[in-house]
Every structure is written in structure tokens, then in C-alpha cells.
Amino acid sequence: MKPIDRRTFVSGLGVSGVSLLASQKPSSAAFIGGRSAGLVMAWYNLSFGLYGWTQAAYQEEFEQIQNYGVDVLVLDMFGWNPTYTAYFNYQTAAAAAFAAAAAMGTNFKLCFAFDWIGGSEPASDAGLMMTAYGNHPNYFYYLGKPFLSSFKGSINTTTGSSDNTFVSAALASVASAGFTPFFCPYFGLPGFSANNQSSTNAAALAAFNGGWLPAVCNGLMGWSDLIPALNAQRNASELYVTSNQAPPILAVPSVTSWFGIIRFLYLNENAEFLEYNGYEGMSTLWAAAIAQAPPLVIIVTWNDYTETYCGPGTTAQLATAAVPSYWQVSSTFLNGHAGFAEMHRYWIAQYKAGQALTPGQDLMLVAYRTAAQSVAAADYTGTISWNAQVYNATLDDLYITTVCTAAATLQVSTGGNVTNTAVPAGVAHTRIPFSVGAQTFALIRAAATLISITGANVVATLTDQTNMNPVTYFGYGV
């Protein structure tokens, strides 16, 4: 792919030209107006490269990712020393990734997140990582410091805890390597759970302020963002704006399209899923971030195919790329999420403009699960917890989001049942209960079909327990 013209993300959206039919491509005038502001990050795992693990493979994927408006990839490093990650060599992959970013010539940036807290690999290997690439021209610096992150789903904030000891040792090793990082981890705080919507921001804030994190954090990405609730748990800025650290730490809002751990179904284990109702939840999260205009926003995740992902890889591409031995999931469980990526493209344009943009081209996005909640595969003996109370008591719906230049009619046929819904100009979310059988979608204006999508059939039985992972589609009007 040719280098991306970054100006296309200021006043409009460029044509991606990646795995899109002609009728699916956004025109250069997809969105009109605006100004440039903010950077978009995305959480990325090197071991899940869509096209492979060579420099050329990473370059192809990075160019694709940058085309959606992403500026920085946070590389989720499960280790550095191959002794501790025998299944994948992160050092070799990092070398290929940084070479790819440099070869792009578009100022695309990468940075590290050490993700082995509590593991067998020593904390000091974080310093070795930074020694290798902290001074690379494509390493991301924020406020003059190399941006460094970390991850743990549930961090112990008590001073003197093993988590405290490990992170302090990791940061000491980075300092010994000659770096003063901008440390902005992605930690789940006590008082918050993705599966407990009754928890409060106040509890998480108290845990943060009462422990060791303020002494080491320059910023924080918080799990609270993953709840697209209308009020209480909207985004990280609300959670940490009253932090007692001076100056206040940077809160980086997170946006995701849905949340679940796919590998638990593949491994026949109990699984929990947080429902986002197609594009509704991620739109709420983006709207919250845009309203507060933070300097950074992170997409979680781009390509963690064992959990939550939004990259545009097709089902066929994912089937080719999947390595079940360490992905812990087979291609049967992986659906294409190009619709989610395209919805991110839309909201990234608004975020970077710092305001709502007028649609210059009609867009229709579709998401749904291909079997009802109640359908259980015969070979699955675990239990699924569906956390749908944030929005909707049932997941047995088709979720259609339209971005229209003018009012139109949305026509949906589900199992032979046809529904016509008037949709306004701008963004509109529509839900239609699905029926078993064929699924077709059309956006119509003045008797002309602008966009037509045929999706996968909804089925009555499953061979594998795959109905937690939605299929997604999108199309642009000509």
C-alpha cells in the first residue's frame, strides 16, 4: 500500500482500498469539515499478526491500521526473553515491527506494554525491552518521554503488595537503562468489574488514591471505560479527574466494540460476555471521549483474537492466520469484524476534528449473533454469563447503525420477515429481533437502493459454541 496522506483524517476520510468492494469504500468526502486534534492508540498483540510476523507482513497490516486513523500501537508484550515465551519470539517480532514502522515513512508509532506481572519472567526484562527500542525513531514519546504501559486485569493497589514490588522493579530497570518513561498502565482497579455494573467509580478512585499507583503513574487507562453506560461509569476521565496526584495524571479513555473471552468457549470453560448491542456501546464510548477532548484515546483491542477484537480481517483471513496452539482459539470461533473497524473510522474522524462532522456519504453497518442466546452446542459443557443489562435484556436482535446524508428507509428481511424503518439524517441505531434463516439489509431513498448487504444465516443449532461472537458487515452508498 502507498503511504497514507494524514490530511485525509482532518477534513475527510481516505479510501482504504483494503479488502473492500467498490460499493463498500468511503469516498474522499465521507465526512466534511473539522480541525485536527488528538491521537488514537490501539492495543495490539504481535503474535496475532493478520498477515504473518515478517517486516513485510507487519508493514501491510500497520498501513491498513493507520488508514483507519490510528496513530500509535501499544504492543502487548507477554514477555521479552524467549526462554519464558517458548510459543512465540517477541524479540524477533519486535524487530520486524519496528523495521516495518520505519519503512512506512508515515511517522507511525509503536510503544511497549509489559504484560507479565506475576509471571516467571523477571521484571528487569522491561529494561531490556526499552534498551532495544526506546530510542528508535518510531517509538512513541509523549510530553518528551517514552510512553510505556502495562496490563493486569485486577491490580493489587496495596502498598507493598507483590504487584507493587514487580512494577517498581520493572520501572527501576527502565530507569537503569537510561529512560524516564511516561508510565500509563492499563490496570483493572478494585471496586470495578466488567461483569458488575453496580460497582462505583468512587470505590475505584479510592483504591487508586489509597495505594501505590499515584507514586508511579503518569497516566492510566481504566477498565471503567468498557462499560458503555449512560451515566455512572462512562469513561476514565470521570474516574481519575479528582486524583490526588499533582499534577493530575492523564486519563486515557478506552473504546471497545464488545467484551468477552472467546478462548474460554474454545477451551470448554465458563465464559462471561459484556454486551454492547452492535455499534451502540462503542458509539456511546466514543461520544463520551469526544465530549471531553482528551489528547489520547485507546482502542481495546485491535487484534486480541482470543478475547475482544475489532480489526478488519475477514473470516477467511482469520482462518488462514489462526494458530490454535497459542491463539487458544480456532478459526471456527472467529468472525470478521470489519464493521467495527469501520465504525471506529467514523468516530475517529469526529474525535480528530473535535466536533461532529456532516456525513458526505451514506454508510450502513450491521452486527448480530448467528444464533439465539438460548442455543447451546452439544459439545459445550460450560456456562455462559451474558451481561446484557446495560442496554438490553435480549441479544437476539439485529443491530443496524446508519449514517445518512438525508432521511432514508432501512429495509430488513430476517427469516423472510420484512421490516421497513424510517431512519433520519446523521447517526441512528436500529434493533430488529431476528428470525432463523436468511438475513438481508437495504438502505433505500426515493425508491433507489443505496446500500445492500446479505449477511450470514441465523441458525437454530450450533456445532460449536460460537454465538457469543457477532458477525459484522458494512457498506457505503455510491
Protein backbone atom coordinates (compact mmCIF):
# COMPACT_ATOMS: atom_id res chain seq x y z
CA MET A 1 0.00 0.00 0.00
CA LYS A 2 1.09 3.55 -0.61
CA PRO A 3 1.72 5.80 2.42
CA ILE A 4 -1.37 7.37 3.94
CA ASP A 5 -1.96 11.08 3.45
CA ARG A 6 -2.62 12.14 7.05
CA ARG A 7 -4.61 15.15 5.86
CA THR A 8 -7.44 12.82 4.86
CA PHE A 9 -8.21 12.40 8.56
CA VAL A 10 -8.58 16.13 9.15
CA SER A 11 -11.21 17.13 6.63
CA GLY A 12 -12.43 13.74 5.48
CA LEU A 13 -11.72 10.05 5.16
CA GLY A 14 -9.46 8.49 2.60
CA VAL A 15 -10.30 5.37 0.63
CA SER A 16 -8.77 2.40 2.39
CA GLY A 17 -8.60 0.11 -0.63
CA VAL A 18 -8.13 -2.83 1.75
CA SER A 19 -10.44 -5.83 1.40
CA LEU A 20 -13.37 -3.60 0.39
CA LEU A 21 -15.73 -3.98 -2.52
CA ALA A 22 -16.18 -0.85 -4.63
CA SER A 23 -19.56 -0.21 -3.05
CA GLN A 24 -18.02 -0.51 0.42
CA LYS A 25 -15.32 2.11 0.05
CA PRO A 26 -15.66 5.52 1.71
CA SER A 27 -15.20 8.41 -0.69
CA SER A 28 -12.70 11.19 -0.04
CA ALA A 29 -15.65 13.33 1.10
CA ALA A 30 -17.14 10.81 3.52
CA PHE A 31 -17.18 13.43 6.28
CA ILE A 32 -16.99 17.18 5.85
CA GLY A 33 -15.42 19.91 7.98
CA GLY A 34 -13.42 19.94 11.20
CA ARG A 35 -9.96 20.52 12.59
CA SER A 36 -7.16 18.20 13.70
CA ALA A 37 -6.86 17.18 17.37
CA GLY A 38 -5.77 14.22 19.46
CA LEU A 39 -4.02 10.91 18.85
CA VAL A 40 -5.62 7.47 18.60
CA MET A 41 -3.85 4.46 20.06
CA ALA A 42 -4.77 0.79 19.68
CA TRP A 43 -3.83 -2.21 21.80
CA TYR A 44 -2.04 -4.72 19.55
CA ASN A 45 -0.53 -8.19 20.04
CA LEU A 46 2.44 -9.03 17.82
CA SER A 47 1.71 -12.76 17.98
CA PHE A 48 -1.66 -12.22 16.28
CA GLY A 49 -0.30 -10.67 13.09
CA LEU A 50 -3.00 -10.90 10.44
CA TYR A 51 -0.57 -11.45 7.57
CA GLY A 52 2.30 -13.06 9.46
CA TRP A 53 5.28 -11.95 11.53
CA THR A 54 7.78 -10.63 8.99
CA GLN A 55 8.62 -7.00 8.35
CA ALA A 56 6.55 -7.07 5.15
CA ALA A 57 3.59 -8.67 6.92
CA TYR A 58 3.58 -6.13 9.74
CA GLN A 59 4.02 -3.26 7.30
CA GLU A 60 0.98 -4.35 5.31
CA GLU A 61 -1.12 -4.54 8.46
CA PHE A 62 0.23 -1.33 10.02
CA GLU A 63 -0.55 0.62 6.86
CA GLN A 64 -4.06 -0.76 6.98
CA ILE A 65 -4.44 0.18 10.65
CA GLN A 66 -3.10 3.68 10.10
CA ASN A 67 -5.58 4.13 7.29
CA TYR A 68 -8.41 3.91 9.85
CA GLY A 69 -6.91 6.85 11.70
CA VAL A 70 -4.82 5.03 14.32
CA ASP A 71 -1.56 6.79 15.13
CA VAL A 72 0.09 4.54 17.75
CA LEU A 73 0.07 0.82 18.52
CA VAL A 74 0.63 -0.25 22.12
CA LEU A 75 2.41 -3.59 21.75
CA ASP A 76 1.10 -6.05 24.35
CA MET A 77 4.29 -7.89 25.29
CA PHE A 78 3.68 -11.14 27.15
CA GLY A 79 7.42 -11.43 27.53
CA TRP A 80 10.77 -10.41 26.13
CA ASN A 81 13.12 -13.31 26.78
CA PRO A 82 12.18 -16.27 24.51
CA THR A 83 13.01 -18.58 27.41
CA TYR A 84 9.73 -17.54 29.01
CA THR A 85 7.59 -17.39 25.86
CA ALA A 86 8.57 -20.54 24.00
CA TYR A 87 5.44 -20.35 21.84
CA PHE A 88 6.43 -17.03 20.24
CA ASN A 89 9.61 -14.98 19.93
CA TYR A 90 8.63 -11.42 20.88
CA GLN A 91 12.15 -10.11 20.31
CA THR A 92 12.17 -11.22 16.68
CA ALA A 93 8.65 -9.91 16.18
CA ALA A 94 9.51 -6.54 17.73
CA ALA A 95 12.48 -6.19 15.38
CA ALA A 96 10.23 -6.83 12.39
CA ALA A 97 7.53 -4.48 13.71
CA PHE A 98 9.85 -1.52 14.27
CA ALA A 99 11.50 -2.09 10.90
CA ALA A 100 8.04 -2.09 9.34
CA ALA A 101 7.02 1.16 11.05
CA ALA A 102 10.24 2.81 9.87
CA ALA A 103 9.79 1.59 6.30
CA MET A 104 6.30 3.11 6.13
CA GLY A 105 7.72 6.61 6.28
CA THR A 106 4.47 7.98 7.74
CA ASN A 107 5.51 8.67 11.35
CA PHE A 108 3.54 5.66 12.57
CA LYS A 109 4.49 4.97 16.18
CA LEU A 110 4.83 1.92 18.43
CA CYS A 111 5.37 1.55 22.17
CA PHE A 112 5.53 -1.29 24.71
CA ALA A 113 3.27 -2.63 27.44
CA PHE A 114 4.88 -5.24 29.71
CA ASP A 115 2.25 -7.88 30.38
CA TRP A 116 3.91 -10.47 32.55
CA ILE A 117 3.19 -9.12 36.06
CA GLY A 118 3.16 -12.10 38.38
CA GLY A 119 4.71 -14.39 35.79
CA SER A 120 8.03 -16.20 35.84
CA GLU A 121 9.89 -13.69 33.67
CA PRO A 122 11.80 -11.15 35.77
CA ALA A 123 10.58 -7.57 35.94
CA SER A 124 14.03 -6.38 34.88
CA ASP A 125 13.39 -7.57 31.32
CA ALA A 126 11.27 -4.44 30.86
CA GLY A 127 14.53 -2.52 30.89
CA LEU A 128 15.99 -4.76 28.20
CA MET A 129 12.98 -4.06 26.02
CA MET A 130 13.44 -0.32 26.33
CA THR A 131 17.18 -0.59 25.78
CA ALA A 132 16.47 -2.28 22.45
CA TYR A 133 13.85 0.17 21.12
CA GLY A 134 13.29 3.09 23.49
CA ASN A 135 15.42 5.32 21.28
CA HIS A 136 14.03 4.04 17.98
CA PRO A 137 12.68 6.87 15.76
CA ASN A 138 9.29 5.14 15.65
CA TYR A 139 8.99 4.66 19.41
CA PHE A 140 6.15 6.84 20.71
CA TYR A 141 7.11 9.70 23.03
CA TYR A 142 4.54 11.72 24.96
CA LEU A 143 5.49 15.01 26.61
CA GLY A 144 9.10 14.25 25.79
CA LYS A 145 9.10 10.82 27.47
CA PRO A 146 8.92 7.31 26.02
CA PHE A 147 5.36 6.07 26.52
CA LEU A 148 5.33 2.79 28.48
CA SER A 149 2.28 0.81 29.53
CA SER A 150 1.48 -2.42 31.32
CA PHE A 151 -1.53 -4.63 31.91
CA LYS A 152 -3.17 -6.59 34.67
CA GLY A 153 -6.89 -7.26 34.78
CA SER A 154 -7.08 -6.89 38.55
CA ILE A 155 -4.20 -4.99 40.13
CA ASN A 156 -3.45 -5.07 43.87
CA THR A 157 -3.18 -1.39 44.81
CA THR A 158 -1.99 -2.06 48.37
CA THR A 159 1.43 -0.57 49.07
CA GLY A 160 3.96 -3.35 49.48
CA SER A 161 1.94 -5.91 47.53
CA SER A 162 3.62 -8.26 45.06
CA ASP A 163 2.18 -6.18 42.21
CA ASN A 164 3.72 -3.07 43.75
CA THR A 165 7.08 -4.81 44.04
CA PHE A 166 7.01 -6.13 40.47
CA VAL A 167 6.02 -2.86 38.79
CA SER A 168 8.53 -0.88 40.86
CA ALA A 169 11.28 -3.29 39.82
CA ALA A 170 10.26 -3.05 36.18
CA LEU A 171 10.33 0.73 36.26
CA ALA A 172 13.66 0.70 38.09
CA SER A 173 15.12 -1.45 35.30
CA VAL A 174 13.82 1.03 32.72
CA ALA A 175 15.43 3.87 34.67
CA SER A 176 18.71 1.95 34.85
CA ALA A 177 18.56 1.65 31.07
CA GLY A 178 18.57 5.44 30.91
CA PHE A 179 14.86 6.13 30.34
CA THR A 180 12.35 8.18 32.28
CA PRO A 181 9.09 6.82 30.85
CA PHE A 182 5.63 8.27 30.73
CA PHE A 183 4.10 5.31 32.54
CA CYS A 184 0.44 4.81 31.66
CA PRO A 185 -0.72 1.28 32.52
CA TYR A 186 -3.99 -0.48 31.76
CA PHE A 187 -4.99 -1.83 35.17
CA GLY A 188 -8.30 -3.06 36.46
CA LEU A 189 -8.89 -1.40 39.83
CA PRO A 190 -10.67 -2.80 42.89
CA GLY A 191 -14.24 -1.62 43.02
CA PHE A 192 -14.77 -2.17 39.33
CA SER A 193 -15.60 -5.31 37.37
CA ALA A 194 -16.62 -5.62 33.75
CA ASN A 195 -19.26 -8.06 34.95
CA ASN A 196 -20.52 -5.99 37.87
CA GLN A 197 -22.29 -2.88 36.73
CA SER A 198 -23.21 -1.99 40.32
CA SER A 199 -19.63 -1.13 41.25
CA THR A 200 -18.87 2.54 41.57
CA ASN A 201 -16.27 4.94 40.29
CA ALA A 202 -15.83 6.18 43.85
CA ALA A 203 -14.59 2.77 45.00
CA ALA A 204 -12.06 2.54 42.19
CA LEU A 205 -10.90 6.09 42.80
CA ALA A 206 -10.43 5.39 46.50
CA ALA A 207 -8.40 2.27 45.69
CA PHE A 208 -6.23 4.24 43.31
CA ASN A 209 -5.57 7.17 45.63
CA GLY A 210 -5.07 4.97 48.69
CA GLY A 211 -2.32 2.78 47.25
CA TRP A 212 0.97 2.85 45.41
CA LEU A 213 -0.21 3.75 41.90
CA PRO A 214 -0.13 7.58 42.23
CA ALA A 215 3.57 7.41 43.02
CA VAL A 216 4.45 5.66 39.77
CA CYS A 217 1.73 6.55 37.25
CA ASN A 218 1.85 9.47 34.84
CA GLY A 219 -1.42 8.30 33.33
CA LEU A 220 -3.90 5.47 33.49
CA MET A 221 -6.18 3.55 31.18
CA GLY A 222 -9.09 2.22 33.21
CA TRP A 223 -11.48 -0.69 32.83
CA SER A 224 -14.38 1.62 33.67
CA ASP A 225 -14.42 2.68 30.03
CA LEU A 226 -15.53 -0.78 28.99
CA ILE A 227 -19.00 -0.18 30.40
CA PRO A 228 -20.88 1.93 27.87
CA ALA A 229 -23.40 3.03 30.50
CA LEU A 230 -25.24 6.29 30.03
CA ASN A 231 -24.01 7.95 33.22
CA ALA A 232 -22.07 6.48 36.13
CA GLN A 233 -19.22 4.54 34.50
CA ARG A 234 -18.73 6.36 31.30
CA ASN A 235 -15.03 6.87 30.91
CA ALA A 236 -11.67 7.11 32.59
CA SER A 237 -11.56 10.89 32.68
CA GLU A 238 -14.54 10.92 35.04
CA LEU A 239 -12.87 8.30 37.22
CA TYR A 240 -9.48 9.92 37.70
CA VAL A 241 -10.03 13.63 37.21
CA THR A 242 -10.14 14.03 41.02
CA SER A 243 -6.94 12.10 41.57
CA ASN A 244 -4.87 13.48 44.45
CA GLN A 245 -1.70 13.38 42.39
CA ALA A 246 -0.31 16.79 41.44
CA PRO A 247 -0.29 17.41 38.58
CA PRO A 248 -3.31 15.18 37.86
CA ILE A 249 -2.48 12.06 35.91
CA LEU A 250 -3.52 11.70 32.29
CA ALA A 251 -6.68 9.64 31.89
CA VAL A 252 -6.77 7.84 28.54
CA PRO A 253 -10.34 6.85 27.65
CA SER A 254 -10.73 3.38 26.18
CA VAL A 255 -13.17 2.36 23.48
CA THR A 256 -14.13 -1.19 22.61
CA SER A 257 -16.77 -2.78 20.43
CA TRP A 258 -17.72 -5.64 22.75
CA PHE A 259 -16.10 -7.56 25.58
CA GLY A 260 -15.69 -11.30 26.00
CA ILE A 261 -13.10 -14.06 26.22
CA ILE A 262 -13.61 -16.26 23.17
CA ARG A 263 -10.94 -18.77 24.13
CA PHE A 264 -12.97 -19.92 27.14
CA LEU A 265 -15.56 -21.33 24.75
CA TYR A 266 -12.88 -22.95 22.61
CA LEU A 267 -11.35 -24.43 25.77
CA ASN A 268 -14.79 -25.51 27.01
CA GLU A 269 -14.65 -23.32 30.10
CA ASN A 270 -17.16 -20.99 31.75
CA ALA A 271 -17.30 -17.64 29.99
CA GLU A 272 -18.65 -14.15 30.63
CA PHE A 273 -19.59 -11.63 27.97
CA LEU A 274 -20.47 -7.98 28.18
CA GLU A 275 -22.98 -6.96 25.55
CA TYR A 276 -22.55 -3.76 23.57
CA ASN A 277 -25.52 -4.14 21.25
CA GLY A 278 -23.76 -3.87 17.94
CA TYR A 279 -22.36 -0.38 17.45
CA GLU A 280 -24.39 1.31 20.19
CA GLY A 281 -21.97 0.81 23.07
CA MET A 282 -18.84 1.80 21.20
CA SER A 283 -20.65 4.88 19.88
CA THR A 284 -21.52 5.88 23.45
CA LEU A 285 -17.90 5.47 24.50
CA TRP A 286 -16.60 7.47 21.55
CA ALA A 287 -19.16 10.22 22.16
CA ALA A 288 -18.02 10.48 25.78
CA ALA A 289 -14.38 10.69 24.73
CA ILE A 290 -15.09 13.27 22.07
CA ALA A 291 -17.04 15.42 24.52
CA GLN A 292 -14.06 15.56 26.89
CA ALA A 293 -11.46 16.01 24.11
CA PRO A 294 -8.60 14.05 25.77
CA PRO A 295 -5.23 14.17 24.00
CA LEU A 296 -5.17 10.36 23.68
CA VAL A 297 -7.82 7.68 23.19
CA ILE A 298 -7.10 3.95 23.01
CA ILE A 299 -8.99 1.23 21.13
CA VAL A 300 -9.09 -2.03 23.10
CA THR A 301 -8.23 -4.26 21.38
CA TRP A 302 -7.33 -4.24 17.72
CA ASN A 303 -6.38 -7.86 17.39
CA ASP A 304 -6.62 -9.97 20.54
CA TYR A 305 -8.43 -12.77 18.76
CA THR A 306 -8.73 -14.80 21.95
CA GLU A 307 -10.84 -12.07 23.54
CA THR A 308 -12.07 -8.80 22.05
CA TYR A 309 -11.01 -7.55 18.63
CA CYS A 310 -12.10 -5.04 16.02
CA GLY A 311 -9.58 -5.37 13.19
CA PRO A 312 -10.92 -5.65 9.64
CA GLY A 313 -9.62 -9.15 8.89
CA THR A 314 -12.15 -11.25 7.01
CA THR A 315 -13.29 -14.64 8.26
CA ALA A 316 -11.15 -16.24 5.57
CA GLN A 317 -8.08 -14.20 6.53
CA LEU A 318 -8.52 -15.08 10.19
CA ALA A 319 -8.84 -18.75 9.30
CA THR A 320 -5.52 -18.57 7.46
CA ALA A 321 -3.78 -16.63 10.23
CA ALA A 322 -5.08 -18.58 13.24
CA VAL A 323 -2.56 -20.70 15.16
CA PRO A 324 -4.74 -22.57 17.70
CA SER A 325 -1.73 -23.83 19.67
CA TYR A 326 -1.10 -20.38 21.13
CA TRP A 327 -4.05 -18.30 19.92
CA GLN A 328 -6.13 -20.69 22.05
CA VAL A 329 -8.96 -20.38 19.57
CA SER A 330 -9.70 -21.93 16.19
CA SER A 331 -11.00 -20.21 13.09
CA THR A 332 -14.48 -21.64 13.74
CA PHE A 333 -14.86 -19.13 16.57
CA LEU A 334 -13.57 -16.10 14.63
CA ASN A 335 -15.86 -13.83 12.62
CA GLY A 336 -14.88 -10.84 10.54
CA HIS A 337 -15.22 -7.55 12.43
CA ALA A 338 -14.65 -5.09 9.60
CA GLY A 339 -17.90 -3.37 10.59
CA PHE A 340 -16.44 -2.49 13.98
CA ALA A 341 -13.28 -1.16 12.33
CA GLU A 342 -15.37 1.00 10.01
CA MET A 343 -17.39 2.38 12.93
CA HIS A 344 -14.09 3.30 14.57
CA ARG A 345 -13.09 5.08 11.36
CA TYR A 346 -16.25 7.20 11.57
CA TRP A 347 -15.76 8.16 15.23
CA ILE A 348 -12.01 8.72 14.86
CA ALA A 349 -12.78 11.34 12.23
CA GLN A 350 -15.10 13.11 14.68
CA TYR A 351 -12.55 12.87 17.50
CA LYS A 352 -9.74 14.28 15.41
CA ALA A 353 -11.99 17.04 14.13
CA GLY A 354 -13.02 17.93 17.65
CA GLN A 355 -16.64 18.23 16.57
CA ALA A 356 -19.46 16.45 14.77
CA LEU A 357 -18.89 16.19 11.02
CA THR A 358 -21.54 16.26 8.35
CA PRO A 359 -21.78 12.90 6.53
CA GLY A 360 -20.81 13.25 2.89
CA GLN A 361 -21.66 9.65 2.05
CA ASP A 362 -24.26 7.17 3.29
CA LEU A 363 -22.98 4.33 5.48
CA MET A 364 -24.77 1.26 6.85
CA LEU A 365 -23.26 -1.08 9.44
CA VAL A 366 -24.73 -4.39 10.60
CA ALA A 367 -23.86 -6.65 13.55
CA TYR A 368 -25.57 -9.69 15.03
CA ARG A 369 -25.00 -13.11 16.51
CA THR A 370 -25.92 -16.02 14.28
CA ALA A 371 -27.84 -17.98 16.92
CA ALA A 372 -30.10 -17.09 19.83
CA GLN A 373 -28.76 -16.81 23.36
CA SER A 374 -30.58 -19.99 24.30
CA VAL A 375 -28.85 -22.15 21.67
CA ALA A 376 -26.19 -24.39 23.20
CA ALA A 377 -23.78 -26.58 21.26
CA ALA A 378 -23.87 -30.23 22.24
CA ASP A 379 -20.11 -30.33 22.84
CA TYR A 380 -20.05 -27.31 25.20
CA THR A 381 -20.40 -28.12 28.90
CA GLY A 382 -19.51 -24.74 30.36
CA THR A 383 -21.79 -21.89 31.39
CA ILE A 384 -22.13 -18.56 29.61
CA SER A 385 -22.99 -15.42 31.57
CA TRP A 386 -24.48 -12.78 29.28
CA ASN A 387 -24.25 -9.34 30.85
CA ALA A 388 -26.83 -7.51 28.79
CA GLN A 389 -28.45 -5.42 31.48
CA VAL A 390 -26.50 -2.34 30.48
CA TYR A 391 -28.77 -1.89 27.49
CA ASN A 392 -30.98 -4.78 26.54
CA ALA A 393 -32.47 -7.88 28.12
CA THR A 394 -32.04 -9.92 24.95
CA LEU A 395 -29.24 -10.33 22.47
CA ASP A 396 -31.43 -11.95 19.85
CA ASP A 397 -31.50 -8.83 17.71
CA LEU A 398 -30.05 -7.49 14.50
CA TYR A 399 -28.19 -4.25 15.22
CA ILE A 400 -28.05 -1.79 12.35
CA THR A 401 -26.36 1.60 12.51
CA THR A 402 -26.93 4.09 9.71
CA VAL A 403 -25.00 7.27 8.97
CA CYS A 404 -27.11 9.09 6.40
CA THR A 405 -26.71 12.24 4.36
CA ALA A 406 -30.52 12.55 4.36
CA ALA A 407 -33.50 10.62 5.68
CA ALA A 408 -33.91 7.14 4.24
CA THR A 409 -35.68 3.82 4.72
CA LEU A 410 -33.98 0.81 6.28
CA GLN A 411 -35.43 -2.43 4.92
CA VAL A 412 -34.56 -5.64 6.74
CA SER A 413 -35.59 -9.17 5.91
CA THR A 414 -34.93 -11.69 8.67
CA GLY A 415 -36.05 -15.25 8.07
CA GLY A 416 -38.49 -13.93 5.48
CA ASN A 417 -40.00 -11.31 7.79
CA VAL A 418 -39.65 -7.85 6.26
CA THR A 419 -39.47 -4.64 8.29
CA ASN A 420 -39.24 -1.08 6.95
CA THR A 421 -37.90 1.57 9.33
CA ALA A 422 -37.54 5.30 8.67
CA VAL A 423 -34.04 6.49 9.62
CA PRO A 424 -33.03 10.17 9.89
CA ALA A 425 -30.03 12.03 8.58
CA GLY A 426 -26.97 11.52 10.76
CA VAL A 427 -26.33 8.56 13.04
CA ALA A 428 -29.19 6.23 14.01
CA HIS A 429 -29.19 2.85 15.77
CA THR A 430 -31.94 0.35 14.94
CA ARG A 431 -32.70 -3.02 16.56
CA ILE A 432 -34.83 -5.70 14.95
CA PRO A 433 -35.45 -9.13 16.56
CA PHE A 434 -34.01 -11.81 14.29
CA SER A 435 -35.60 -14.99 12.98
CA VAL A 436 -33.86 -18.16 11.83
CA GLY A 437 -32.97 -18.06 8.15
CA ALA A 438 -31.57 -15.59 5.62
CA GLN A 439 -30.69 -12.00 6.63
CA THR A 440 -30.69 -9.11 4.16
CA PHE A 441 -30.41 -5.36 4.66
CA ALA A 442 -31.03 -2.42 2.34
CA LEU A 443 -30.83 1.35 2.69
CA ILE A 444 -33.33 2.99 0.34
CA ARG A 445 -34.04 6.60 -0.61
CA ALA A 446 -36.52 7.80 -3.24
CA ALA A 447 -37.10 4.22 -4.39
CA ALA A 448 -33.37 3.73 -5.08
CA THR A 449 -31.34 1.14 -3.17
CA LEU A 450 -28.23 2.89 -1.93
CA ILE A 451 -26.63 0.01 0.02
CA SER A 452 -27.46 -3.69 0.04
CA ILE A 453 -25.95 -6.27 2.42
CA THR A 454 -26.56 -10.01 2.64
CA GLY A 455 -25.35 -11.48 5.92
CA ALA A 456 -24.87 -14.97 7.33
CA ASN A 457 -27.95 -17.01 8.11
CA VAL A 458 -29.23 -17.15 11.67
CA VAL A 459 -29.30 -20.82 12.67
CA ALA A 460 -31.30 -22.90 15.12
CA THR A 461 -28.46 -25.26 16.16
CA LEU A 462 -24.71 -24.94 16.70
CA THR A 463 -21.87 -27.40 16.23
CA ASP A 464 -19.52 -25.27 18.35
CA GLN A 465 -20.46 -22.67 20.96
CA THR A 466 -19.91 -19.66 18.75
CA ASN A 467 -22.97 -17.46 19.31
CA MET A 468 -21.15 -15.03 21.59
CA ASN A 469 -19.10 -13.57 18.72
CA PRO A 470 -21.03 -11.31 16.33
CA VAL A 471 -20.67 -11.14 12.58
CA THR A 472 -20.33 -7.62 11.19
CA TYR A 473 -20.83 -6.01 7.80
CA PHE A 474 -20.81 -2.53 6.32
CA GLY A 475 -21.41 -0.76 3.04
CA TYR A 476 -21.11 2.78 1.64
CA GLY A 477 -23.55 4.38 -0.76
CA VAL A 478 -22.24 5.08 -4.22
